[in-house]
C-alpha cells in the first residue's frame, strides 16, 4: 500500500511538472519587437524578472506584475509598456 501511494505521488508530481512546461504560449515577435524599439522605455532582462523603465530617468512609481497561466512573461511586455 505504501509503495502504491509513493508511485501515485511520483506520477502526480511528474504530471504537474510536465503539464507546466508543455504548451507554454510564446510571445508574438512583432509586438515584442515594438517594445524593444520603443525609445521611451528601457527593457532589461534582470535576474529578478523583466524590468521596463522610463528612458529619461527613474520613476518614483512602479508596478509589480506577476504573470500567470501558461504564457511566456515576455508576451505581457507590449501591454505593460
PDB file of N, CA and C in Angstrom:
ATOM      1  N   UNK A   1       0.826  -1.186   0.000  1.00  0.00           N
ATOM      2  CA  UNK A   1       0.000   0.000   0.000  1.00  0.00           C
ATOM      3  C   UNK A   1       0.874   1.254   0.000  1.00  0.00           C
ATOM      4  N   UNK A   2       1.904   1.243   0.846  1.00  0.00           N
ATOM      5  CA  UNK A   2       2.791   2.401   0.923  1.00  0.00           C
ATOM      6  C   UNK A   2       3.530   2.621  -0.400  1.00  0.00           C
ATOM      7  N   UNK A   3       3.934   1.533  -1.023  1.00  0.00           N
ATOM      8  CA  UNK A   3       4.607   1.624  -2.321  1.00  0.00           C
ATOM      9  C   UNK A   3       3.683   2.182  -3.397  1.00  0.00           C
ATOM     10  N   UNK A   4       2.426   1.761  -3.377  1.00  0.00           N
ATOM     11  CA  UNK A   4       1.449   2.261  -4.340  1.00  0.00           C
ATOM     12  C   UNK A   4       1.213   3.759  -4.166  1.00  0.00           C
ATOM     13  N   UNK A   5       1.130   4.204  -2.906  1.00  0.00           N
ATOM     14  CA  UNK A   5       0.960   5.634  -2.641  1.00  0.00           C
ATOM     15  C   UNK A   5       2.166   6.442  -3.108  1.00  0.00           C
ATOM     16  N   UNK A   6       3.361   5.886  -2.920  1.00  0.00           N
ATOM     17  CA  UNK A   6       4.583   6.569  -3.358  1.00  0.00           C
ATOM     18  C   UNK A   6       4.609   6.692  -4.881  1.00  0.00           C
ATOM     19  N   UNK A   7       4.245   5.636  -5.571  1.00  0.00           N
ATOM     20  CA  UNK A   7       4.198   5.670  -7.041  1.00  0.00           C
ATOM     21  C   UNK A   7       3.149   6.660  -7.521  1.00  0.00           C
ATOM     22  N   UNK A   8       1.992   6.667  -6.883  1.00  0.00           N
ATOM     23  CA  UNK A   8       0.919   7.600  -7.242  1.00  0.00           C
ATOM     24  C   UNK A   8       1.362   9.047  -7.031  1.00  0.00           C
ATOM     25  N   UNK A   9       2.035   9.310  -5.929  1.00  0.00           N
ATOM     26  CA  UNK A   9       2.542  10.647  -5.646  1.00  0.00           C
ATOM     27  C   UNK A   9       3.595  11.056  -6.674  1.00  0.00           C
ATOM     28  N   UNK A  10       4.492  10.145  -7.020  1.00  0.00           N
ATOM     29  CA  UNK A  10       5.530  10.427  -8.015  1.00  0.00           C
ATOM     30  C   UNK A  10       4.918  10.722  -9.380  1.00  0.00           C
ATOM     31  N   UNK A  11       3.922   9.948  -9.770  1.00  0.00           N
ATOM     32  CA  UNK A  11       3.252  10.184 -11.051  1.00  0.00           C
ATOM     33  C   UNK A  11       2.505  11.525 -11.042  1.00  0.00           C
ATOM     34  N   UNK A  12       1.881  11.851  -9.924  1.00  0.00           N
ATOM     35  CA  UNK A  12       1.167  13.123  -9.817  1.00  0.00           C
ATOM     36  C   UNK A  12       2.111  14.311  -9.925  1.00  0.00           C
ATOM     37  N   UNK A  13       3.218  14.269  -9.212  1.00  0.00           N
ATOM     38  CA  UNK A  13       4.190  15.364  -9.267  1.00  0.00           C
ATOM     39  C   UNK A  13       4.796  15.450 -10.664  1.00  0.00           C
ATOM     40  N   UNK A  14       5.145  14.311 -11.244  1.00  0.00           N
ATOM     41  CA  UNK A  14       5.693  14.305 -12.610  1.00  0.00           C
ATOM     42  C   UNK A  14       4.707  14.860 -13.623  1.00  0.00           C
ATOM     43  N   UNK A  15       3.440  14.521 -13.462  1.00  0.00           N
ATOM     44  CA  UNK A  15       2.412  15.032 -14.370  1.00  0.00           C
ATOM     45  C   UNK A  15       2.238  16.533 -14.262  1.00  0.00           C
ATOM     46  N   UNK A  16       2.270  17.055 -13.050  1.00  0.00           N
ATOM     47  CA  UNK A  16       2.143  18.512 -12.861  1.00  0.00           C
ATOM     48  C   UNK A  16       3.334  19.240 -13.461  1.00  0.00           C
ATOM     49  N   UNK A  17       4.532  18.719 -13.239  1.00  0.00           N
ATOM     50  CA  UNK A  17       5.728  19.351 -13.803  1.00  0.00           C
ATOM     51  C   UNK A  17       5.679  19.313 -15.329  1.00  0.00           C
ATOM     52  N   UNK A  18       5.312  18.186 -15.900  1.00  0.00           N
ATOM     53  CA  UNK A  18       5.217  18.080 -17.362  1.00  0.00           C
ATOM     54  C   UNK A  18       4.163  19.029 -17.906  1.00  0.00           C
ATOM     55  N   UNK A  19       2.995  19.091 -17.271  1.00  0.00           N
ATOM     56  CA  UNK A  19       1.922  19.977 -17.732  1.00  0.00           C
ATOM     57  C   UNK A  19       2.361  21.435 -17.698  1.00  0.00           C
ATOM     58  N   UNK A  20       3.121  21.821 -16.688  1.00  0.00           N
ATOM     59  CA  UNK A  20       3.516  23.219 -16.550  1.00  0.00           C
ATOM     60  C   UNK A  20       4.542  23.640 -17.599  1.00  0.00           C
ATOM     61  N   UNK A  21       5.229  22.692 -18.219  1.00  0.00           N
ATOM     62  CA  UNK A  21       6.280  23.033 -19.177  1.00  0.00           C
ATOM     63  C   UNK A  21       5.886  22.777 -20.635  1.00  0.00           C
ATOM     64  N   UNK A  22       4.840  22.027 -20.860  1.00  0.00           N
ATOM     65  CA  UNK A  22       4.420  21.686 -22.227  1.00  0.00           C
ATOM     66  C   UNK A  22       3.273  22.603 -22.632  1.00  0.00           C
ATOM     67  N   UNK A  23       3.372  23.190 -23.800  1.00  0.00           N
ATOM     68  CA  UNK A  23       2.296  24.013 -24.319  1.00  0.00           C
ATOM     69  C   UNK A  23       2.312  25.450 -23.820  1.00  0.00           C
ATOM     70  N   UNK A  24       3.464  25.966 -23.425  1.00  0.00           N
ATOM     71  CA  UNK A  24       3.559  27.353 -22.971  1.00  0.00           C
ATOM     72  C   UNK A  24       3.466  28.263 -24.189  1.00  0.00           C
ATOM     73  N   UNK A  25       2.573  29.261 -24.122  1.00  0.00           N
ATOM     74  CA  UNK A  25       2.366  30.187 -25.242  1.00  0.00           C
ATOM     75  C   UNK A  25       3.530  31.187 -25.298  1.00  0.00           C
ATOM     76  N   UNK A  26       4.224  31.269 -26.431  1.00  0.00           N
ATOM     77  CA  UNK A  26       5.342  32.212 -26.542  1.00  0.00           C
ATOM     78  C   UNK A  26       4.851  33.631 -26.830  1.00  0.00           C
ATOM     79  N   UNK A  27       5.752  34.583 -26.676  1.00  0.00           N
ATOM     80  CA  UNK A  27       5.446  35.973 -27.026  1.00  0.00           C
ATOM     81  C   UNK A  27       5.438  36.109 -28.549  1.00  0.00           C
ATOM     82  N   UNK A  28       4.536  36.937 -29.071  1.00  0.00           N
ATOM     83  CA  UNK A  28       4.496  37.172 -30.509  1.00  0.00           C
ATOM     84  C   UNK A  28       5.659  38.080 -30.887  1.00  0.00           C
ATOM     85  N   UNK A  29       6.373  37.772 -31.976  1.00  0.00           N
ATOM     86  CA  UNK A  29       7.580  38.526 -32.338  1.00  0.00           C
ATOM     87  C   UNK A  29       7.329  40.007 -32.653  1.00  0.00           C
ATOM     88  N   UNK A  30       6.261  40.337 -33.363  1.00  0.00           N
ATOM     89  CA  UNK A  30       6.036  41.730 -33.776  1.00  0.00           C
ATOM     90  C   UNK A  30       5.778  42.660 -32.579  1.00  0.00           C
ATOM     91  N   UNK A  31       4.861  42.342 -31.658  1.00  0.00           N
ATOM     92  CA  UNK A  31       4.679  43.233 -30.507  1.00  0.00           C
ATOM     93  C   UNK A  31       5.927  43.319 -29.624  1.00  0.00           C
ATOM     94  N   UNK A  32       6.653  42.222 -29.486  1.00  0.00           N
ATOM     95  CA  UNK A  32       7.867  42.232 -28.676  1.00  0.00           C
ATOM     96  C   UNK A  32       8.939  43.108 -29.322  1.00  0.00           C
ATOM     97  N   UNK A  33       9.041  43.075 -30.636  1.00  0.00           N
ATOM     98  CA  UNK A  33       9.990  43.946 -31.336  1.00  0.00           C
ATOM     99  C   UNK A  33       9.611  45.415 -31.139  1.00  0.00           C
ATOM    100  N   UNK A  34       8.311  45.701 -31.119  1.00  0.00           N
ATOM    101  CA  UNK A  34       7.859  47.069 -30.872  1.00  0.00           C
ATOM    102  C   UNK A  34       8.259  47.571 -29.496  1.00  0.00           C
ATOM    103  N   UNK A  35       8.232  46.682 -28.512  1.00  0.00           N
ATOM    104  CA  UNK A  35       8.644  47.052 -27.150  1.00  0.00           C
ATOM    105  C   UNK A  35      10.134  47.363 -27.130  1.00  0.00           C
ATOM    106  N   UNK A  36      10.915  46.522 -27.768  1.00  0.00           N
ATOM    107  CA  UNK A  36      12.374  46.713 -27.772  1.00  0.00           C
ATOM    108  C   UNK A  36      12.781  47.964 -28.549  1.00  0.00           C
ATOM    109  N   UNK A  37      11.976  48.372 -29.537  1.00  0.00           N
ATOM    110  CA  UNK A  37      12.290  49.563 -30.346  1.00  0.00           C
ATOM    111  C   UNK A  37      11.731  50.849 -29.744  1.00  0.00           C
ATOM    112  N   UNK A  38      10.920  50.766 -28.705  1.00  0.00           N
ATOM    113  CA  UNK A  38      10.310  51.935 -28.079  1.00  0.00           C
ATOM    114  C   UNK A  38      11.393  52.757 -27.386  1.00  0.00           C
ATOM    115  N   UNK A  39      11.621  53.973 -27.887  1.00  0.00           N
ATOM    116  CA  UNK A  39      12.678  54.829 -27.339  1.00  0.00           C
ATOM    117  C   UNK A  39      12.297  55.427 -25.982  1.00  0.00           C
ATOM    118  N   UNK A  40      11.037  55.367 -25.599  1.00  0.00           N
ATOM    119  CA  UNK A  40      10.584  55.961 -24.338  1.00  0.00           C
ATOM    120  C   UNK A  40      10.884  55.085 -23.126  1.00  0.00           C
ATOM    121  N   UNK A  41      11.210  53.809 -23.363  1.00  0.00           N
ATOM    122  CA  UNK A  41      11.474  52.902 -22.249  1.00  0.00           C
ATOM    123  C   UNK A  41      12.767  52.132 -22.469  1.00  0.00           C
ATOM    124  N   UNK A  42      13.327  51.642 -21.370  1.00  0.00           N
ATOM    125  CA  UNK A  42      14.448  50.704 -21.441  1.00  0.00           C
ATOM    126  C   UNK A  42      13.923  49.339 -21.010  1.00  0.00           C
ATOM    127  N   UNK A  43      14.433  48.314 -21.633  1.00  0.00           N
ATOM    128  CA  UNK A  43      14.000  46.956 -21.348  1.00  0.00           C
ATOM    129  C   UNK A  43      15.209  46.177 -20.851  1.00  0.00           C
ATOM    130  N   UNK A  44      15.075  45.568 -19.673  1.00  0.00           N
ATOM    131  CA  UNK A  44      16.172  44.803 -19.095  1.00  0.00           C
ATOM    132  C   UNK A  44      15.658  43.433 -18.668  1.00  0.00           C
ATOM    133  N   UNK A  45      16.389  42.413 -19.054  1.00  0.00           N
ATOM    134  CA  UNK A  45      16.060  41.047 -18.626  1.00  0.00           C
ATOM    135  C   UNK A  45      16.909  40.750 -17.399  1.00  0.00           C
ATOM    136  N   UNK A  46      16.459  41.236 -16.255  1.00  0.00           N
ATOM    137  CA  UNK A  46      17.197  41.092 -14.999  1.00  0.00           C
ATOM    138  C   UNK A  46      16.986  39.706 -14.405  1.00  0.00           C
ATOM    139  N   UNK A  47      17.803  39.376 -13.424  1.00  0.00           N
ATOM    140  CA  UNK A  47      17.682  38.082 -12.752  1.00  0.00           C
ATOM    141  C   UNK A  47      16.333  37.938 -12.055  1.00  0.00           C
ATOM    142  N   UNK A  48      15.811  39.046 -11.523  1.00  0.00           N
ATOM    143  CA  UNK A  48      14.537  39.009 -10.809  1.00  0.00           C
ATOM    144  C   UNK A  48      13.352  38.959 -11.754  1.00  0.00           C
ATOM    145  N   UNK A  49      13.521  39.390 -12.986  1.00  0.00           N
ATOM    146  CA  UNK A  49      12.437  39.402 -13.959  1.00  0.00           C
ATOM    147  C   UNK A  49      12.665  40.459 -15.018  1.00  0.00           C
ATOM    148  N   UNK A  50      11.665  40.728 -15.785  1.00  0.00           N
ATOM    149  CA  UNK A  50      11.734  41.728 -16.852  1.00  0.00           C
ATOM    150  C   UNK A  50      11.485  43.101 -16.236  1.00  0.00           C
ATOM    151  N   UNK A  51      12.368  44.055 -16.547  1.00  0.00           N
ATOM    152  CA  UNK A  51      12.234  45.399 -15.993  1.00  0.00           C
ATOM    153  C   UNK A  51      12.029  46.380 -17.144  1.00  0.00           C
ATOM    154  N   UNK A  52      10.879  47.052 -17.148  1.00  0.00           N
ATOM    155  CA  UNK A  52      10.592  48.122 -18.094  1.00  0.00           C
ATOM    156  C   UNK A  52      10.676  49.424 -17.310  1.00  0.00           C
ATOM    157  N   UNK A  53      11.515  50.346 -17.763  1.00  0.00           N
ATOM    158  CA  UNK A  53      11.719  51.596 -17.028  1.00  0.00           C
ATOM    159  C   UNK A  53      11.720  52.762 -18.001  1.00  0.00           C
ATOM    160  N   UNK A  54      11.366  53.960 -17.528  1.00  0.00           N
ATOM    161  CA  UNK A  54      11.412  55.135 -18.393  1.00  0.00           C
ATOM    162  C   UNK A  54      12.847  55.400 -18.858  1.00  0.00           C
ATOM    163  N   UNK A  55      13.014  55.746 -20.122  1.00  0.00           N
ATOM    164  CA  UNK A  55      14.349  56.001 -20.665  1.00  0.00           C
ATOM    165  C   UNK A  55      14.918  57.321 -20.179  1.00  0.00           C
ATOM    166  N   UNK A  56      14.071  58.266 -19.787  1.00  0.00           N
ATOM    167  CA  UNK A  56      14.551  59.593 -19.398  1.00  0.00           C
ATOM    168  C   UNK A  56      14.891  59.696 -17.913  1.00  0.00           C
ATOM    169  N   UNK A  57      14.913  58.607 -17.194  1.00  0.00           N
ATOM    170  CA  UNK A  57      15.281  58.640 -15.789  1.00  0.00           C
ATOM    171  C   UNK A  57      14.420  57.730 -14.956  1.00  0.00           C
ATOM    172  N   UNK A  58      14.695  57.760 -13.668  1.00  0.00           N
ATOM    173  CA  UNK A  58      13.963  56.881 -12.765  1.00  0.00           C
ATOM    174  C   UNK A  58      12.596  57.454 -12.411  1.00  0.00           C
ATOM    175  N   UNK A  59      11.712  56.570 -12.038  1.00  0.00           N
ATOM    176  CA  UNK A  59      10.372  56.954 -11.637  1.00  0.00           C
ATOM    177  C   UNK A  59      10.175  56.600 -10.169  1.00  0.00           C
ATOM    178  N   UNK A  60       9.312  57.321  -9.505  1.00  0.00           N
ATOM    179  CA  UNK A  60       9.021  57.026  -8.106  1.00  0.00           C
ATOM    180  C   UNK A  60       7.872  56.027  -7.965  1.00  0.00           C
ATOM    181  N   UNK A  61       7.201  55.739  -9.050  1.00  0.00           N
ATOM    182  CA  UNK A  61       6.092  54.787  -9.040  1.00  0.00           C
ATOM    183  C   UNK A  61       6.493  53.533  -9.801  1.00  0.00           C
ATOM    184  N   UNK A  62       5.925  52.419  -9.412  1.00  0.00           N
ATOM    185  CA  UNK A  62       6.219  51.180 -10.110  1.00  0.00           C
ATOM    186  C   UNK A  62       5.066  50.216 -10.031  1.00  0.00           C
ATOM    187  N   UNK A  63       5.171  49.170 -10.785  1.00  0.00           N
ATOM    188  CA  UNK A  63       4.158  48.128 -10.820  1.00  0.00           C
ATOM    189  C   UNK A  63       4.875  46.788 -10.821  1.00  0.00           C
ATOM    190  N   UNK A  64       4.472  45.912  -9.940  1.00  0.00           N
ATOM    191  CA  UNK A  64       4.985  44.548  -9.945  1.00  0.00           C
ATOM    192  C   UNK A  64       3.892  43.691 -10.558  1.00  0.00           C
ATOM    193  N   UNK A  65       4.204  43.074 -11.673  1.00  0.00           N
ATOM    194  CA  UNK A  65       3.243  42.253 -12.395  1.00  0.00           C
ATOM    195  C   UNK A  65       3.727  40.806 -12.354  1.00  0.00           C
ATOM    196  N   UNK A  66       2.909  39.933 -11.831  1.00  0.00           N
ATOM    197  CA  UNK A  66       3.249  38.514 -11.754  1.00  0.00           C
ATOM    198  C   UNK A  66       2.422  37.789 -12.816  1.00  0.00           C
ATOM    199  N   UNK A  67       3.077  37.373 -13.914  1.00  0.00           N
ATOM    200  CA  UNK A  67       2.322  36.698 -14.968  1.00  0.00           C
ATOM    201  C   UNK A  67       1.850  35.326 -14.509  1.00  0.00           C
ATOM    202  N   UNK A  68       0.769  34.905 -15.075  1.00  0.00           N
ATOM    203  CA  UNK A  68       0.225  33.612 -14.707  1.00  0.00           C
ATOM    204  C   UNK A  68      -0.055  32.776 -15.928  1.00  0.00           C
ATOM    205  N   UNK A  69      -0.754  31.724 -15.717  1.00  0.00           N
ATOM    206  CA  UNK A  69      -1.161  30.794 -16.766  1.00  0.00           C
ATOM    207  C   UNK A  69       0.061  30.172 -17.425  1.00  0.00           C
ATOM    208  N   UNK A  70      -0.118  29.719 -18.626  1.00  0.00           N
ATOM    209  CA  UNK A  70       0.980  29.097 -19.358  1.00  0.00           C
ATOM    210  C   UNK A  70       1.377  30.018 -20.503  1.00  0.00           C
ATOM    211  N   UNK A  71       1.787  31.238 -20.125  1.00  0.00           N
ATOM    212  CA  UNK A  71       2.158  32.254 -21.103  1.00  0.00           C
ATOM    213  C   UNK A  71       3.553  32.760 -20.755  1.00  0.00           C
ATOM    214  N   UNK A  72       4.395  32.901 -21.773  1.00  0.00           N
ATOM    215  CA  UNK A  72       5.735  33.445 -21.588  1.00  0.00           C
ATOM    216  C   UNK A  72       5.624  34.870 -21.034  1.00  0.00           C
ATOM    217  N   UNK A  73       6.356  35.212 -19.981  1.00  0.00           N
ATOM    218  CA  UNK A  73       6.255  36.553 -19.402  1.00  0.00           C
ATOM    219  C   UNK A  73       6.536  37.676 -20.406  1.00  0.00           C
ATOM    220  N   UNK A  74       7.363  37.422 -21.410  1.00  0.00           N
ATOM    221  CA  UNK A  74       7.647  38.441 -22.425  1.00  0.00           C
ATOM    222  C   UNK A  74       6.396  38.800 -23.228  1.00  0.00           C
ATOM    223  N   UNK A  75       5.402  37.938 -23.258  1.00  0.00           N
ATOM    224  CA  UNK A  75       4.174  38.221 -24.005  1.00  0.00           C
ATOM    225  C   UNK A  75       3.403  39.390 -23.411  1.00  0.00           C
ATOM    226  N   UNK A  76       3.616  39.702 -22.139  1.00  0.00           N
ATOM    227  CA  UNK A  76       2.923  40.808 -21.483  1.00  0.00           C
ATOM    228  C   UNK A  76       3.635  42.142 -21.666  1.00  0.00           C
ATOM    229  N   UNK A  77       4.847  42.152 -22.180  1.00  0.00           N
ATOM    230  CA  UNK A  77       5.637  43.382 -22.287  1.00  0.00           C
ATOM    231  C   UNK A  77       4.951  44.443 -23.147  1.00  0.00           C
ATOM    232  N   UNK A  78       4.327  44.038 -24.238  1.00  0.00           N
ATOM    233  CA  UNK A  78       3.656  45.001 -25.123  1.00  0.00           C
ATOM    234  C   UNK A  78       2.486  45.701 -24.423  1.00  0.00           C
ATOM    235  N   UNK A  79       1.793  44.977 -23.576  1.00  0.00           N
ATOM    236  CA  UNK A  79       0.663  45.573 -22.845  1.00  0.00           C
ATOM    237  C   UNK A  79       1.152  46.483 -21.741  1.00  0.00           C
ATOM    238  N   UNK A  80       2.234  46.123 -21.097  1.00  0.00           N
ATOM    239  CA  UNK A  80       2.716  46.872 -19.947  1.00  0.00           C
ATOM    240  C   UNK A  80       3.606  48.062 -20.295  1.00  0.00           C
ATOM    241  N   UNK A  81       4.014  48.177 -21.548  1.00  0.00           N
ATOM    242  CA  UNK A  81       4.895  49.290 -21.902  1.00  0.00           C
ATOM    243  C   UNK A  81       4.183  50.613 -21.776  1.00  0.00           C
TER     244      UNK A  81
END
